[in-house]
Amino acid sequence: MTMTLRFLIVDGYPKASREEFDRVGMKDAWLLYAEMLQKHLPGAEYRVWFPSDDPAPPEGAGPEQYAGVLWTGCNLTIYHDEARVTRQIEYAKACYEAGTPAFGTCWGLQMAVAAAGGEVKANPRGREMGIARKIRLTPEGLQHPMLQGKPPVYTGFISHLDEVTNLPPGAVLLASNDFTRVQAVEVKHGKGTFWATQYHPEYDLHEVACLITAREPKLVPEGFFRDHEDLLQYVGKLETLSRHPDRKDLRWQLDIDDDVLSGELRQVEFNNWVNKLVLPRAVGE
């Protein structure tokens, strides 16, 4: 039996932020998700919603009309009471009530938690940027289907200032590191299930280099780099390793390994979501 599944990609970045990504040569968040979807589910159809600019999703479609809803990163603040945020939370609540599987990263994880009654606040440690180190699977994570095939300790691409401080009922903590307690989570709420990571499986090394370039006005004052030249040198190494992933010297200098360089290993979570949550539901298992 052949079926074509349709997905909604929710890209919460405002237009001005998307234009900033364009300026530094970075792909839009929705496109990174579309490419990841096509890689793991060739032939899947998708629509894109920019809720920071468009009040209603494409054609006014509710989540029940999709096989799954995908939530990208976003540079808004989820605990701010503004329409650009609250309309997204309401749609996430509708996903739970419809029973539509959801997957998200960064903002998407915070959305999973906030829509189910959990809490997100500013991380007192500040910004976690570039690469999240020593992410450890919890005992529950070691047994969870989302993380099947992931090593017990790994790294991931990341960029965020906020963190989940309280998980809602129905949530299971799957992975943590010393900087951010909630790095991966499953939330079951209403009829729905939401799998999410604080880190970004959809990124690759080139996209991270572009993001660091885009965030230079914040990263230098925050002490990540001494100055513009220092940032350029680091970004240059990331870009070179992106083009030549077998460079032993750069792997060692940057402390980067296959858990982020290998697309297959980096995107285990999303592949498992497709094959263990979306497809079984679509065929009525």
C-alpha atoms as a PDB file:
ATOM      1  CA  MET A   1       0.000   0.000   0.000  1.00  0.00           C
ATOM      2  CA  THR A   2       1.302   3.443  -0.951  1.00  0.00           C
ATOM      3  CA  MET A   3       0.250   6.460   1.046  1.00  0.00           C
ATOM      4  CA  THR A   4       1.298  10.082   0.928  1.00  0.00           C
ATOM      5  CA  LEU A   5       1.527  11.667   4.337  1.00  0.00           C
ATOM      6  CA  ARG A   6       1.170  15.399   4.857  1.00  0.00           C
ATOM      7  CA  PHE A   7       2.915  17.383   7.583  1.00  0.00           C
ATOM      8  CA  LEU A   8       2.791  20.920   8.925  1.00  0.00           C
ATOM      9  CA  ILE A   9       6.090  22.674   9.625  1.00  0.00           C
ATOM     10  CA  VAL A  10       5.668  25.516  12.127  1.00  0.00           C
ATOM     11  CA  ASP A  11       8.508  28.029  11.723  1.00  0.00           C
ATOM     12  CA  GLY A  12       8.086  30.581  14.485  1.00  0.00           C
ATOM     13  CA  TYR A  13      10.902  32.911  13.430  1.00  0.00           C
ATOM     14  CA  PRO A  14       9.618  36.387  12.487  1.00  0.00           C
ATOM     15  CA  LYS A  15      10.313  37.622   8.966  1.00  0.00           C
ATOM     16  CA  ALA A  16      13.133  39.913  10.122  1.00  0.00           C
ATOM     17  CA  SER A  17      14.919  36.978  11.737  1.00  0.00           C
ATOM     18  CA  ARG A  18      14.541  34.854   8.626  1.00  0.00           C
ATOM     19  CA  GLU A  19      16.031  37.686   6.592  1.00  0.00           C
ATOM     20  CA  GLU A  20      19.002  37.770   8.983  1.00  0.00           C
ATOM     21  CA  PHE A  21      19.591  34.075   8.319  1.00  0.00           C
ATOM     22  CA  ASP A  22      19.481  34.792   4.602  1.00  0.00           C
ATOM     23  CA  ARG A  23      22.109  37.501   5.046  1.00  0.00           C
ATOM     24  CA  VAL A  24      24.657  35.082   6.526  1.00  0.00           C
ATOM     25  CA  GLY A  25      23.880  32.245   4.114  1.00  0.00           C
ATOM     26  CA  MET A  26      21.946  30.109   6.596  1.00  0.00           C
ATOM     27  CA  LYS A  27      18.939  28.081   5.529  1.00  0.00           C
ATOM     28  CA  ASP A  28      15.598  28.982   7.060  1.00  0.00           C
ATOM     29  CA  ALA A  29      14.473  26.757   9.910  1.00  0.00           C
ATOM     30  CA  TRP A  30      11.508  25.415   7.931  1.00  0.00           C
ATOM     31  CA  LEU A  31      13.792  24.367   5.076  1.00  0.00           C
ATOM     32  CA  LEU A  32      16.101  22.449   7.401  1.00  0.00           C
ATOM     33  CA  TYR A  33      13.038  20.588   8.656  1.00  0.00           C
ATOM     34  CA  ALA A  34      11.716  20.005   5.147  1.00  0.00           C
ATOM     35  CA  GLU A  35      15.050  18.506   4.118  1.00  0.00           C
ATOM     36  CA  MET A  36      15.149  16.312   7.208  1.00  0.00           C
ATOM     37  CA  LEU A  37      11.590  15.144   6.526  1.00  0.00           C
ATOM     38  CA  GLN A  38      12.347  14.301   2.896  1.00  0.00           C
ATOM     39  CA  LYS A  39      15.493  12.445   3.921  1.00  0.00           C
ATOM     40  CA  HIS A  40      13.709  10.161   6.367  1.00  0.00           C
ATOM     41  CA  LEU A  41      10.329   9.986   4.621  1.00  0.00           C
ATOM     42  CA  PRO A  42      10.842  10.538   0.878  1.00  0.00           C
ATOM     43  CA  GLY A  43       7.718  11.723  -0.875  1.00  0.00           C
ATOM     44  CA  ALA A  44       6.132  13.239   2.210  1.00  0.00           C
ATOM     45  CA  GLU A  45       4.188  16.436   1.581  1.00  0.00           C
ATOM     46  CA  TYR A  46       4.351  19.467   3.831  1.00  0.00           C
ATOM     47  CA  ARG A  47       2.938  22.921   4.347  1.00  0.00           C
ATOM     48  CA  VAL A  48       4.753  25.709   6.186  1.00  0.00           C
ATOM     49  CA  TRP A  49       3.222  28.129   8.676  1.00  0.00           C
ATOM     50  CA  PHE A  50       4.965  31.297   9.887  1.00  0.00           C
ATOM     51  CA  PRO A  51       2.851  32.075  12.971  1.00  0.00           C
ATOM     52  CA  SER A  52       4.854  35.174  13.900  1.00  0.00           C
ATOM     53  CA  ASP A  53       3.639  36.768  10.660  1.00  0.00           C
ATOM     54  CA  ASP A  54       0.463  34.866   9.730  1.00  0.00           C
ATOM     55  CA  PRO A  55      -2.283  34.551  12.372  1.00  0.00           C
ATOM     56  CA  ALA A  56      -3.765  31.360  10.885  1.00  0.00           C
ATOM     57  CA  PRO A  57      -2.146  28.193   9.531  1.00  0.00           C
ATOM     58  CA  PRO A  58      -2.321  27.437   5.789  1.00  0.00           C
ATOM     59  CA  GLU A  59      -5.940  27.077   4.659  1.00  0.00           C
ATOM     60  CA  GLY A  60      -6.952  27.275   8.308  1.00  0.00           C
ATOM     61  CA  ALA A  61      -6.124  23.577   8.609  1.00  0.00           C
ATOM     62  CA  GLY A  62      -6.272  22.043  12.066  1.00  0.00           C
ATOM     63  CA  PRO A  63      -3.689  19.517  13.262  1.00  0.00           C
ATOM     64  CA  GLU A  64      -6.096  16.620  12.687  1.00  0.00           C
ATOM     65  CA  GLN A  65      -5.518  17.095   8.946  1.00  0.00           C
ATOM     66  CA  TYR A  66      -1.826  16.233   9.233  1.00  0.00           C
ATOM     67  CA  ALA A  67       0.118  13.044   9.907  1.00  0.00           C
ATOM     68  CA  GLY A  68       2.417  15.067  12.132  1.00  0.00           C
ATOM     69  CA  VAL A  69       3.318  18.604  13.154  1.00  0.00           C
ATOM     70  CA  LEU A  70       6.949  19.766  13.224  1.00  0.00           C
ATOM     71  CA  TRP A  71       8.129  22.661  15.383  1.00  0.00           C
ATOM     72  CA  THR A  72      11.374  24.417  14.458  1.00  0.00           C
ATOM     73  CA  GLY A  73      13.499  26.644  16.629  1.00  0.00           C
ATOM     74  CA  CYS A  74      12.430  30.249  17.207  1.00  0.00           C
ATOM     75  CA  ASN A  75      13.975  33.362  18.777  1.00  0.00           C
ATOM     76  CA  LEU A  76      10.823  34.494  20.580  1.00  0.00           C
ATOM     77  CA  THR A  77      10.341  33.962  24.315  1.00  0.00           C
ATOM     78  CA  ILE A  78       7.693  31.414  25.181  1.00  0.00           C
ATOM     79  CA  TYR A  79       6.710  32.954  28.524  1.00  0.00           C
ATOM     80  CA  HIS A  80       5.989  36.358  26.964  1.00  0.00           C
ATOM     81  CA  ASP A  81       2.282  37.092  26.667  1.00  0.00           C
ATOM     82  CA  GLU A  82       2.072  38.209  23.046  1.00  0.00           C
ATOM     83  CA  ALA A  83      -0.016  36.998  20.134  1.00  0.00           C
ATOM     84  CA  ARG A  84       2.936  35.620  18.175  1.00  0.00           C
ATOM     85  CA  VAL A  85       3.596  33.246  21.061  1.00  0.00           C
ATOM     86  CA  THR A  86       0.126  32.479  22.374  1.00  0.00           C
ATOM     87  CA  ARG A  87      -1.272  31.462  18.977  1.00  0.00           C
ATOM     88  CA  GLN A  88       1.490  28.863  18.742  1.00  0.00           C
ATOM     89  CA  ILE A  89       0.757  27.530  22.206  1.00  0.00           C
ATOM     90  CA  GLU A  90      -2.920  27.235  21.326  1.00  0.00           C
ATOM     91  CA  TYR A  91      -2.076  25.278  18.185  1.00  0.00           C
ATOM     92  CA  ALA A  92       0.183  22.949  20.179  1.00  0.00           C
ATOM     93  CA  LYS A  93      -2.700  22.371  22.595  1.00  0.00           C
ATOM     94  CA  ALA A  94      -4.892  21.533  19.600  1.00  0.00           C
ATOM     95  CA  CYS A  95      -2.276  18.998  18.469  1.00  0.00           C
ATOM     96  CA  TYR A  96      -2.532  17.270  21.832  1.00  0.00           C
ATOM     97  CA  GLU A  97      -6.317  17.213  21.703  1.00  0.00           C
ATOM     98  CA  ALA A  98      -6.367  15.920  18.123  1.00  0.00           C
ATOM     99  CA  GLY A  99      -3.837  13.198  18.909  1.00  0.00           C
ATOM    100  CA  THR A 100      -1.541  14.378  16.111  1.00  0.00           C
ATOM    101  CA  PRO A 101       2.091  13.353  16.738  1.00  0.00           C
ATOM    102  CA  ALA A 102       4.486  16.270  17.110  1.00  0.00           C
ATOM    103  CA  PHE A 103       8.248  16.651  16.969  1.00  0.00           C
ATOM    104  CA  GLY A 104      10.223  19.750  17.822  1.00  0.00           C
ATOM    105  CA  THR A 105      13.627  21.153  18.646  1.00  0.00           C
ATOM    106  CA  CYS A 106      14.729  23.995  20.936  1.00  0.00           C
ATOM    107  CA  TRP A 107      11.626  26.227  20.884  1.00  0.00           C
ATOM    108  CA  GLY A 108       9.750  23.063  19.933  1.00  0.00           C
ATOM    109  CA  LEU A 109      10.720  21.362  23.188  1.00  0.00           C
ATOM    110  CA  GLN A 110       9.654  24.405  25.156  1.00  0.00           C
ATOM    111  CA  MET A 111       6.382  24.424  23.201  1.00  0.00           C
ATOM    112  CA  ALA A 112       5.760  20.770  24.056  1.00  0.00           C
ATOM    113  CA  VAL A 113       6.158  21.564  27.741  1.00  0.00           C
ATOM    114  CA  ALA A 114       4.338  24.915  27.901  1.00  0.00           C
ATOM    115  CA  ALA A 115       1.272  23.682  26.006  1.00  0.00           C
ATOM    116  CA  ALA A 116       0.901  20.802  28.454  1.00  0.00           C
ATOM    117  CA  GLY A 117       1.142  23.000  31.549  1.00  0.00           C
ATOM    118  CA  GLY A 118       4.872  22.943  32.278  1.00  0.00           C
ATOM    119  CA  GLU A 119       7.166  25.900  32.903  1.00  0.00           C
ATOM    120  CA  VAL A 120       9.973  27.582  30.961  1.00  0.00           C
ATOM    121  CA  LYS A 121      12.253  30.324  32.315  1.00  0.00           C
ATOM    122  CA  ALA A 122      15.526  32.035  31.468  1.00  0.00           C
ATOM    123  CA  ASN A 123      18.503  29.770  32.116  1.00  0.00           C
ATOM    124  CA  PRO A 124      20.499  31.356  34.973  1.00  0.00           C
ATOM    125  CA  ARG A 125      23.681  30.063  33.306  1.00  0.00           C
ATOM    126  CA  GLY A 126      22.937  32.167  30.263  1.00  0.00           C
ATOM    127  CA  ARG A 127      23.323  31.050  26.670  1.00  0.00           C
ATOM    128  CA  GLU A 128      24.191  27.501  25.637  1.00  0.00           C
ATOM    129  CA  MET A 129      25.720  27.937  22.202  1.00  0.00           C
ATOM    130  CA  GLY A 130      27.196  25.937  19.362  1.00  0.00           C
ATOM    131  CA  ILE A 131      27.681  22.486  20.798  1.00  0.00           C
ATOM    132  CA  ALA A 132      25.988  21.006  23.861  1.00  0.00           C
ATOM    133  CA  ARG A 133      28.510  18.745  25.561  1.00  0.00           C
ATOM    134  CA  LYS A 134      28.071  15.524  27.498  1.00  0.00           C
ATOM    135  CA  ILE A 135      24.351  15.044  26.976  1.00  0.00           C
ATOM    136  CA  ARG A 136      23.485  11.941  28.983  1.00  0.00           C
ATOM    137  CA  LEU A 137      20.526   9.660  28.506  1.00  0.00           C
ATOM    138  CA  THR A 138      18.476   9.160  31.646  1.00  0.00           C
ATOM    139  CA  PRO A 139      17.491   5.608  32.645  1.00  0.00           C
ATOM    140  CA  GLU A 140      14.177   6.281  30.898  1.00  0.00           C
ATOM    141  CA  GLY A 141      15.991   7.637  27.859  1.00  0.00           C
ATOM    142  CA  LEU A 142      18.088   4.496  27.561  1.00  0.00           C
ATOM    143  CA  GLN A 143      14.866   2.526  27.082  1.00  0.00           C
ATOM    144  CA  HIS A 144      12.918   5.054  25.031  1.00  0.00           C
ATOM    145  CA  PRO A 145      12.170   4.475  21.321  1.00  0.00           C
ATOM    146  CA  MET A 146      13.003   8.080  20.373  1.00  0.00           C
ATOM    147  CA  LEU A 147      16.618   7.568  21.390  1.00  0.00           C
ATOM    148  CA  GLN A 148      17.115   4.023  20.183  1.00  0.00           C
ATOM    149  CA  GLY A 149      20.479   3.985  18.404  1.00  0.00           C
ATOM    150  CA  LYS A 150      21.856   6.992  20.309  1.00  0.00           C
ATOM    151  CA  PRO A 151      24.980   6.521  22.455  1.00  0.00           C
ATOM    152  CA  PRO A 152      24.472   6.962  26.214  1.00  0.00           C
ATOM    153  CA  VAL A 153      26.586  10.143  26.162  1.00  0.00           C
ATOM    154  CA  TYR A 154      26.730  12.428  23.132  1.00  0.00           C
ATOM    155  CA  THR A 155      26.929  16.007  21.873  1.00  0.00           C
ATOM    156  CA  GLY A 156      24.454  18.070  19.882  1.00  0.00           C
ATOM    157  CA  PHE A 157      24.190  21.391  18.065  1.00  0.00           C
ATOM    158  CA  ILE A 158      22.473  23.988  20.230  1.00  0.00           C
ATOM    159  CA  SER A 159      21.536  27.650  20.708  1.00  0.00           C
ATOM    160  CA  HIS A 160      19.209  28.840  23.476  1.00  0.00           C
ATOM    161  CA  LEU A 161      18.802  31.128  26.476  1.00  0.00           C
ATOM    162  CA  ASP A 162      15.688  29.618  28.088  1.00  0.00           C
ATOM    163  CA  GLU A 163      15.204  26.218  29.675  1.00  0.00           C
ATOM    164  CA  VAL A 164      12.426  24.013  30.980  1.00  0.00           C
ATOM    165  CA  THR A 165      12.224  24.397  34.749  1.00  0.00           C
ATOM    166  CA  ASN A 166       9.157  22.263  35.503  1.00  0.00           C
ATOM    167  CA  LEU A 167       7.883  19.345  33.456  1.00  0.00           C
ATOM    168  CA  PRO A 168       4.122  18.874  33.130  1.00  0.00           C
ATOM    169  CA  PRO A 169       2.249  15.710  34.111  1.00  0.00           C
ATOM    170  CA  GLY A 170       2.729  13.107  31.411  1.00  0.00           C
ATOM    171  CA  ALA A 171       6.289  14.189  30.613  1.00  0.00           C
ATOM    172  CA  VAL A 172       9.319  11.897  30.741  1.00  0.00           C
ATOM    173  CA  LEU A 173      12.826  13.345  30.972  1.00  0.00           C
ATOM    174  CA  LEU A 174      15.008  11.495  28.469  1.00  0.00           C
ATOM    175  CA  ALA A 175      18.343  13.347  28.382  1.00  0.00           C
ATOM    176  CA  SER A 176      20.237  16.023  30.343  1.00  0.00           C
ATOM    177  CA  ASN A 177      23.581  17.740  30.592  1.00  0.00           C
ATOM    178  CA  ASP A 178      25.188  19.939  33.225  1.00  0.00           C
ATOM    179  CA  PHE A 179      24.125  23.161  31.480  1.00  0.00           C
ATOM    180  CA  THR A 180      20.487  22.324  30.782  1.00  0.00           C
ATOM    181  CA  ARG A 181      18.571  19.694  32.708  1.00  0.00           C
ATOM    182  CA  VAL A 182      15.938  19.033  30.023  1.00  0.00           C
ATOM    183  CA  GLN A 183      17.717  18.201  26.760  1.00  0.00           C
ATOM    184  CA  ALA A 184      15.202  15.640  25.485  1.00  0.00           C
ATOM    185  CA  VAL A 185      11.662  14.834  26.554  1.00  0.00           C
ATOM    186  CA  GLU A 186       8.495  12.975  25.708  1.00  0.00           C
ATOM    187  CA  VAL A 187       5.238  14.680  26.635  1.00  0.00           C
ATOM    188  CA  LYS A 188       1.953  12.780  26.579  1.00  0.00           C
ATOM    189  CA  HIS A 189      -1.021  15.068  27.047  1.00  0.00           C
ATOM    190  CA  GLY A 190      -4.649  14.733  26.039  1.00  0.00           C
ATOM    191  CA  LYS A 191      -4.672  12.310  23.117  1.00  0.00           C
ATOM    192  CA  GLY A 192      -1.281  13.360  21.782  1.00  0.00           C
ATOM    193  CA  THR A 193       2.416  12.599  22.055  1.00  0.00           C
ATOM    194  CA  PHE A 194       5.191  15.140  21.498  1.00  0.00           C
ATOM    195  CA  TRP A 195       8.839  14.094  21.169  1.00  0.00           C
ATOM    196  CA  ALA A 196      11.336  16.933  21.443  1.00  0.00           C
ATOM    197  CA  THR A 197      14.961  17.918  21.975  1.00  0.00           C
ATOM    198  CA  GLN A 198      16.507  21.155  23.210  1.00  0.00           C
ATOM    199  CA  TYR A 199      19.382  20.583  20.773  1.00  0.00           C
ATOM    200  CA  HIS A 200      19.094  20.717  16.975  1.00  0.00           C
ATOM    201  CA  PRO A 201      19.375  17.439  15.006  1.00  0.00           C
ATOM    202  CA  GLU A 202      18.334  19.368  11.889  1.00  0.00           C
ATOM    203  CA  TYR A 203      21.489  21.528  11.924  1.00  0.00           C
ATOM    204  CA  ASP A 204      24.799  20.578  10.383  1.00  0.00           C
ATOM    205  CA  LEU A 205      28.210  22.131  10.979  1.00  0.00           C
ATOM    206  CA  HIS A 206      27.806  24.702   8.206  1.00  0.00           C
ATOM    207  CA  GLU A 207      24.474  25.900   9.609  1.00  0.00           C
ATOM    208  CA  VAL A 208      25.987  26.248  13.075  1.00  0.00           C
ATOM    209  CA  ALA A 209      28.839  28.301  11.625  1.00  0.00           C
ATOM    210  CA  CYS A 210      26.294  30.570   9.931  1.00  0.00           C
ATOM    211  CA  LEU A 211      24.265  30.887  13.126  1.00  0.00           C
ATOM    212  CA  ILE A 212      27.349  31.901  15.105  1.00  0.00           C
ATOM    213  CA  THR A 213      28.042  34.550  12.471  1.00  0.00           C
ATOM    214  CA  ALA A 214      24.473  35.841  12.738  1.00  0.00           C
ATOM    215  CA  ARG A 215      24.708  36.002  16.531  1.00  0.00           C
ATOM    216  CA  GLU A 216      28.074  37.813  16.612  1.00  0.00           C
ATOM    217  CA  PRO A 217      26.618  41.037  18.108  1.00  0.00           C
ATOM    218  CA  LYS A 218      25.573  38.991  21.148  1.00  0.00           C
ATOM    219  CA  LEU A 219      28.317  36.366  21.343  1.00  0.00           C
ATOM    220  CA  VAL A 220      31.283  38.752  21.560  1.00  0.00           C
ATOM    221  CA  PRO A 221      29.846  40.847  24.440  1.00  0.00           C
ATOM    222  CA  GLU A 222      28.795  37.648  26.220  1.00  0.00           C
ATOM    223  CA  GLY A 223      32.397  36.405  26.166  1.00  0.00           C
ATOM    224  CA  PHE A 224      32.179  33.535  23.698  1.00  0.00           C
ATOM    225  CA  PHE A 225      34.800  35.276  21.539  1.00  0.00           C
ATOM    226  CA  ARG A 226      37.369  37.990  22.254  1.00  0.00           C
ATOM    227  CA  ASP A 227      36.581  39.945  19.113  1.00  0.00           C
ATOM    228  CA  HIS A 228      35.482  39.722  15.479  1.00  0.00           C
ATOM    229  CA  GLU A 229      38.724  38.102  14.326  1.00  0.00           C
ATOM    230  CA  ASP A 230      38.509  35.457  17.038  1.00  0.00           C
ATOM    231  CA  LEU A 231      34.995  34.570  15.890  1.00  0.00           C
ATOM    232  CA  LEU A 232      36.050  34.443  12.241  1.00  0.00           C
ATOM    233  CA  GLN A 233      38.865  32.034  13.049  1.00  0.00           C
ATOM    234  CA  TYR A 234      36.528  29.682  14.887  1.00  0.00           C
ATOM    235  CA  VAL A 235      33.839  29.860  12.206  1.00  0.00           C
ATOM    236  CA  GLY A 236      36.486  29.184   9.572  1.00  0.00           C
ATOM    237  CA  LYS A 237      37.491  25.973  11.312  1.00  0.00           C
ATOM    238  CA  LEU A 238      33.863  24.869  11.531  1.00  0.00           C
ATOM    239  CA  GLU A 239      33.351  25.530   7.829  1.00  0.00           C
ATOM    240  CA  THR A 240      36.535  23.666   6.887  1.00  0.00           C
ATOM    241  CA  LEU A 241      35.561  20.650   8.976  1.00  0.00           C
ATOM    242  CA  SER A 242      32.102  20.755   7.422  1.00  0.00           C
ATOM    243  CA  ARG A 243      33.691  20.375   3.985  1.00  0.00           C
ATOM    244  CA  HIS A 244      36.363  17.905   5.136  1.00  0.00           C
ATOM    245  CA  PRO A 245      34.872  15.840   7.984  1.00  0.00           C
ATOM    246  CA  ASP A 246      37.867  13.480   8.074  1.00  0.00           C
ATOM    247  CA  ARG A 247      40.273  16.239   9.181  1.00  0.00           C
ATOM    248  CA  LYS A 248      41.729  14.670  12.333  1.00  0.00           C
ATOM    249  CA  ASP A 249      43.373  17.927  13.416  1.00  0.00           C
ATOM    250  CA  LEU A 250      40.132  19.906  13.365  1.00  0.00           C
ATOM    251  CA  ARG A 251      38.133  17.137  14.994  1.00  0.00           C
ATOM    252  CA  TRP A 252      40.659  17.180  17.833  1.00  0.00           C
ATOM    253  CA  GLN A 253      40.951  20.969  18.112  1.00  0.00           C
ATOM    254  CA  LEU A 254      37.182  21.488  18.091  1.00  0.00           C
ATOM    255  CA  ASP A 255      36.362  18.322  20.066  1.00  0.00           C
ATOM    256  CA  ILE A 256      33.817  17.276  17.446  1.00  0.00           C
ATOM    257  CA  ASP A 257      33.028  13.675  16.571  1.00  0.00           C
ATOM    258  CA  ASP A 258      30.610  11.580  14.544  1.00  0.00           C
ATOM    259  CA  ASP A 259      27.692  12.133  16.919  1.00  0.00           C
ATOM    260  CA  VAL A 260      27.238  15.531  15.260  1.00  0.00           C
ATOM    261  CA  LEU A 261      29.123  15.066  11.984  1.00  0.00           C
ATOM    262  CA  SER A 262      27.143  11.988  10.939  1.00  0.00           C
ATOM    263  CA  GLY A 263      23.684  12.953   9.738  1.00  0.00           C
ATOM    264  CA  GLU A 264      22.363   9.471  10.415  1.00  0.00           C
ATOM    265  CA  LEU A 265      23.525   9.461  14.025  1.00  0.00           C
ATOM    266  CA  ARG A 266      22.641  13.104  14.613  1.00  0.00           C
ATOM    267  CA  GLN A 267      19.063  12.615  13.394  1.00  0.00           C
ATOM    268  CA  VAL A 268      18.293   9.315  15.131  1.00  0.00           C
ATOM    269  CA  GLU A 269      15.563  11.052  17.135  1.00  0.00           C
ATOM    270  CA  PHE A 270      13.663  12.276  14.097  1.00  0.00           C
ATOM    271  CA  ASN A 271      14.033   9.019  12.197  1.00  0.00           C
ATOM    272  CA  ASN A 272      12.636   7.156  15.188  1.00  0.00           C
ATOM    273  CA  TRP A 273       9.734   9.605  15.435  1.00  0.00           C
ATOM    274  CA  VAL A 274       8.804   8.907  11.822  1.00  0.00           C
ATOM    275  CA  ASN A 275       9.132   5.148  12.042  1.00  0.00           C
ATOM    276  CA  LYS A 276       7.961   4.454  15.585  1.00  0.00           C
ATOM    277  CA  LEU A 277       5.266   7.086  16.090  1.00  0.00           C
ATOM    278  CA  VAL A 278       4.014   8.555  12.812  1.00  0.00           C
ATOM    279  CA  LEU A 279       3.947   5.563  10.470  1.00  0.00           C
ATOM    280  CA  PRO A 280       2.345   3.096  12.920  1.00  0.00           C
ATOM    281  CA  ARG A 281      -0.416   5.619  13.625  1.00  0.00           C
ATOM    282  CA  ALA A 282      -0.909   6.291   9.914  1.00  0.00           C
ATOM    283  CA  VAL A 283      -1.498   2.616   9.136  1.00  0.00           C
ATOM    284  CA  GLY A 284      -3.672   2.120  12.207  1.00  0.00           C
ATOM    285  CA  GLU A 285      -1.384  -0.074  14.264  1.00  0.00           C
END
